[in-house]
Every structure is written in structure tokens, then in C-alpha cells.
Amino acid sequence: MQLFINGDEKTLDGPLSLAQLIEQMGMKSDRVAVELNREIVARAYWTEIWLKEGDRLEIVHFVGGGSSSRLNNESAGW
């Protein structure tokens, strides 16, 4: 099955649910947002949605981190 993930064409074995794809990609589901064919998909439906040939996905993986220096700069009026 051909899918487009973040603009890249990928060939995957199907059938495959959206939840299975996220797991297969090694991503933590609680840190991911998914858009399927230009519509955001609520995490509660990932197990029910089966991907089809040519589907287009945008997957955003949230990453924690940052610096406290920004907070210090903002409080100093920068």
C-alpha cells in the first residue's frame, strides 16, 4: 500500500489501522497529532480508521524541552 507521510511516499504492508501505523513508526501515541487527508483525527478513533491506498498523512511528534533562559528574558522585559 502506498501512503504519503509528511510529504514522503512510503510503501507499507496493509491492511493497517492508523493506531498500528503510529506504533509501527515507533512513536508514542500520547505525543502525536495526526491529520489524515487534511482532517485532524482524534486519538480515540485511531484503532477504527483503516488506511487506504494513496492516503495522505501529516504526523506531528511533540518533543519536550526548552530553556529557562527565555523565561528569564521575558521577565526582564526582553
C-alpha atoms as a PDB file:
ATOM      1  CA  MET A   1       0.000   0.000   0.000  1.00  0.00           C
ATOM      2  CA  GLN A   2       1.325   3.456  -0.955  1.00  0.00           C
ATOM      3  CA  LEU A   3       0.876   6.245   1.592  1.00  0.00           C
ATOM      4  CA  PHE A   4       2.197   9.779   1.734  1.00  0.00           C
ATOM      5  CA  ILE A   5       3.542  10.591   5.196  1.00  0.00           C
ATOM      6  CA  ASN A   6       4.695  14.157   5.788  1.00  0.00           C
ATOM      7  CA  GLY A   7       5.113  14.567   2.038  1.00  0.00           C
ATOM      8  CA  ASP A   8       7.179  11.401   1.517  1.00  0.00           C
ATOM      9  CA  GLU A   9       5.817   8.417  -0.371  1.00  0.00           C
ATOM     10  CA  LYS A  10       6.029   5.209   1.693  1.00  0.00           C
ATOM     11  CA  THR A  11       5.221   1.622   0.782  1.00  0.00           C
ATOM     12  CA  LEU A  12       3.731  -0.366   3.655  1.00  0.00           C
ATOM     13  CA  ASP A  13       2.084  -3.739   4.060  1.00  0.00           C
ATOM     14  CA  GLY A  14      -1.627  -3.487   4.652  1.00  0.00           C
ATOM     15  CA  PRO A  15      -4.242  -3.581   5.921  1.00  0.00           C
ATOM     16  CA  LEU A  16      -3.098  -1.170   8.592  1.00  0.00           C
ATOM     17  CA  SER A  17      -5.017   0.943  11.086  1.00  0.00           C
ATOM     18  CA  LEU A  18      -3.868   4.422  11.987  1.00  0.00           C
ATOM     19  CA  ALA A  19      -3.000   3.188  15.507  1.00  0.00           C
ATOM     20  CA  GLN A  20      -0.913   0.357  14.038  1.00  0.00           C
ATOM     21  CA  LEU A  21       0.939   2.792  11.794  1.00  0.00           C
ATOM     22  CA  ILE A  22       1.851   5.048  14.725  1.00  0.00           C
ATOM     23  CA  GLU A  23       3.046   2.028  16.700  1.00  0.00           C
ATOM     24  CA  GLN A  24       4.991   0.677  13.704  1.00  0.00           C
ATOM     25  CA  MET A  25       6.720   4.043  13.355  1.00  0.00           C
ATOM     26  CA  GLY A  26       7.858   3.798  16.990  1.00  0.00           C
ATOM     27  CA  MET A  27       6.005   6.912  18.110  1.00  0.00           C
ATOM     28  CA  LYS A  28       4.297   7.385  21.462  1.00  0.00           C
ATOM     29  CA  SER A  29       0.620   7.933  20.743  1.00  0.00           C
ATOM     30  CA  ASP A  30       0.224  10.454  23.556  1.00  0.00           C
ATOM     31  CA  ARG A  31       2.825  12.716  21.900  1.00  0.00           C
ATOM     32  CA  VAL A  32       1.498  12.634  18.345  1.00  0.00           C
ATOM     33  CA  ALA A  33      -1.125  14.543  16.367  1.00  0.00           C
ATOM     34  CA  VAL A  34      -2.354  13.151  13.047  1.00  0.00           C
ATOM     35  CA  GLU A  35      -4.010  14.722  10.051  1.00  0.00           C
ATOM     36  CA  LEU A  36      -5.438  12.250   7.520  1.00  0.00           C
ATOM     37  CA  ASN A  37      -6.375  13.621   4.117  1.00  0.00           C
ATOM     38  CA  ARG A  38      -6.452  17.174   5.528  1.00  0.00           C
ATOM     39  CA  GLU A  39      -8.608  16.344   8.553  1.00  0.00           C
ATOM     40  CA  ILE A  40      -7.344  16.041  12.124  1.00  0.00           C
ATOM     41  CA  VAL A  41      -8.144  12.632  13.584  1.00  0.00           C
ATOM     42  CA  ALA A  42      -8.967  12.339  17.290  1.00  0.00           C
ATOM     43  CA  ARG A  43      -6.813   9.750  19.041  1.00  0.00           C
ATOM     44  CA  ALA A  44      -9.950   7.910  20.205  1.00  0.00           C
ATOM     45  CA  TYR A  45     -10.646   6.865  16.578  1.00  0.00           C
ATOM     46  CA  TRP A  46      -7.159   5.698  15.563  1.00  0.00           C
ATOM     47  CA  THR A  47      -7.957   1.995  16.088  1.00  0.00           C
ATOM     48  CA  GLU A  48     -11.116   2.297  13.965  1.00  0.00           C
ATOM     49  CA  ILE A  49      -9.564   4.058  10.979  1.00  0.00           C
ATOM     50  CA  TRP A  50      -8.074   1.773   8.338  1.00  0.00           C
ATOM     51  CA  LEU A  51      -5.649   3.369   5.930  1.00  0.00           C
ATOM     52  CA  LYS A  52      -6.232   3.142   2.188  1.00  0.00           C
ATOM     53  CA  GLU A  53      -4.035   3.314  -0.895  1.00  0.00           C
ATOM     54  CA  GLY A  54      -2.952   6.907  -1.533  1.00  0.00           C
ATOM     55  CA  ASP A  55      -3.926   8.306   1.877  1.00  0.00           C
ATOM     56  CA  ARG A  56      -2.024  11.436   2.875  1.00  0.00           C
ATOM     57  CA  LEU A  57      -0.945  11.849   6.470  1.00  0.00           C
ATOM     58  CA  GLU A  58       0.751  14.642   8.330  1.00  0.00           C
ATOM     59  CA  ILE A  59       2.140  13.403  11.623  1.00  0.00           C
ATOM     60  CA  VAL A  60       3.478  15.808  14.216  1.00  0.00           C
ATOM     61  CA  HIS A  61       5.508  14.420  17.096  1.00  0.00           C
ATOM     62  CA  PHE A  62       5.670  16.690  20.134  1.00  0.00           C
ATOM     63  CA  VAL A  63       9.032  16.996  21.838  1.00  0.00           C
ATOM     64  CA  GLY A  64       9.559  18.331  25.336  1.00  0.00           C
ATOM     65  CA  GLY A  65      12.405  20.501  26.420  1.00  0.00           C
ATOM     66  CA  GLY A  66      13.376  24.111  26.304  1.00  0.00           C
ATOM     67  CA  SER A  67      15.328  26.558  28.320  1.00  0.00           C
ATOM     68  CA  SER A  68      14.537  28.603  31.365  1.00  0.00           C
ATOM     69  CA  SER A  69      16.593  31.474  29.897  1.00  0.00           C
ATOM     70  CA  ARG A  70      13.616  32.535  27.764  1.00  0.00           C
ATOM     71  CA  LEU A  71      11.513  32.946  30.880  1.00  0.00           C
ATOM     72  CA  ASN A  72      14.257  34.990  32.459  1.00  0.00           C
ATOM     73  CA  ASN A  73      14.482  37.202  29.357  1.00  0.00           C
ATOM     74  CA  GLU A  74      10.717  37.761  29.272  1.00  0.00           C
ATOM     75  CA  SER A  75      10.581  38.710  32.931  1.00  0.00           C
ATOM     76  CA  ALA A  76      13.443  41.173  32.304  1.00  0.00           C
ATOM     77  CA  GLY A  77      11.340  42.854  29.579  1.00  0.00           C
ATOM     78  CA  TRP A  78      13.227  41.495  26.538  1.00  0.00           C
END
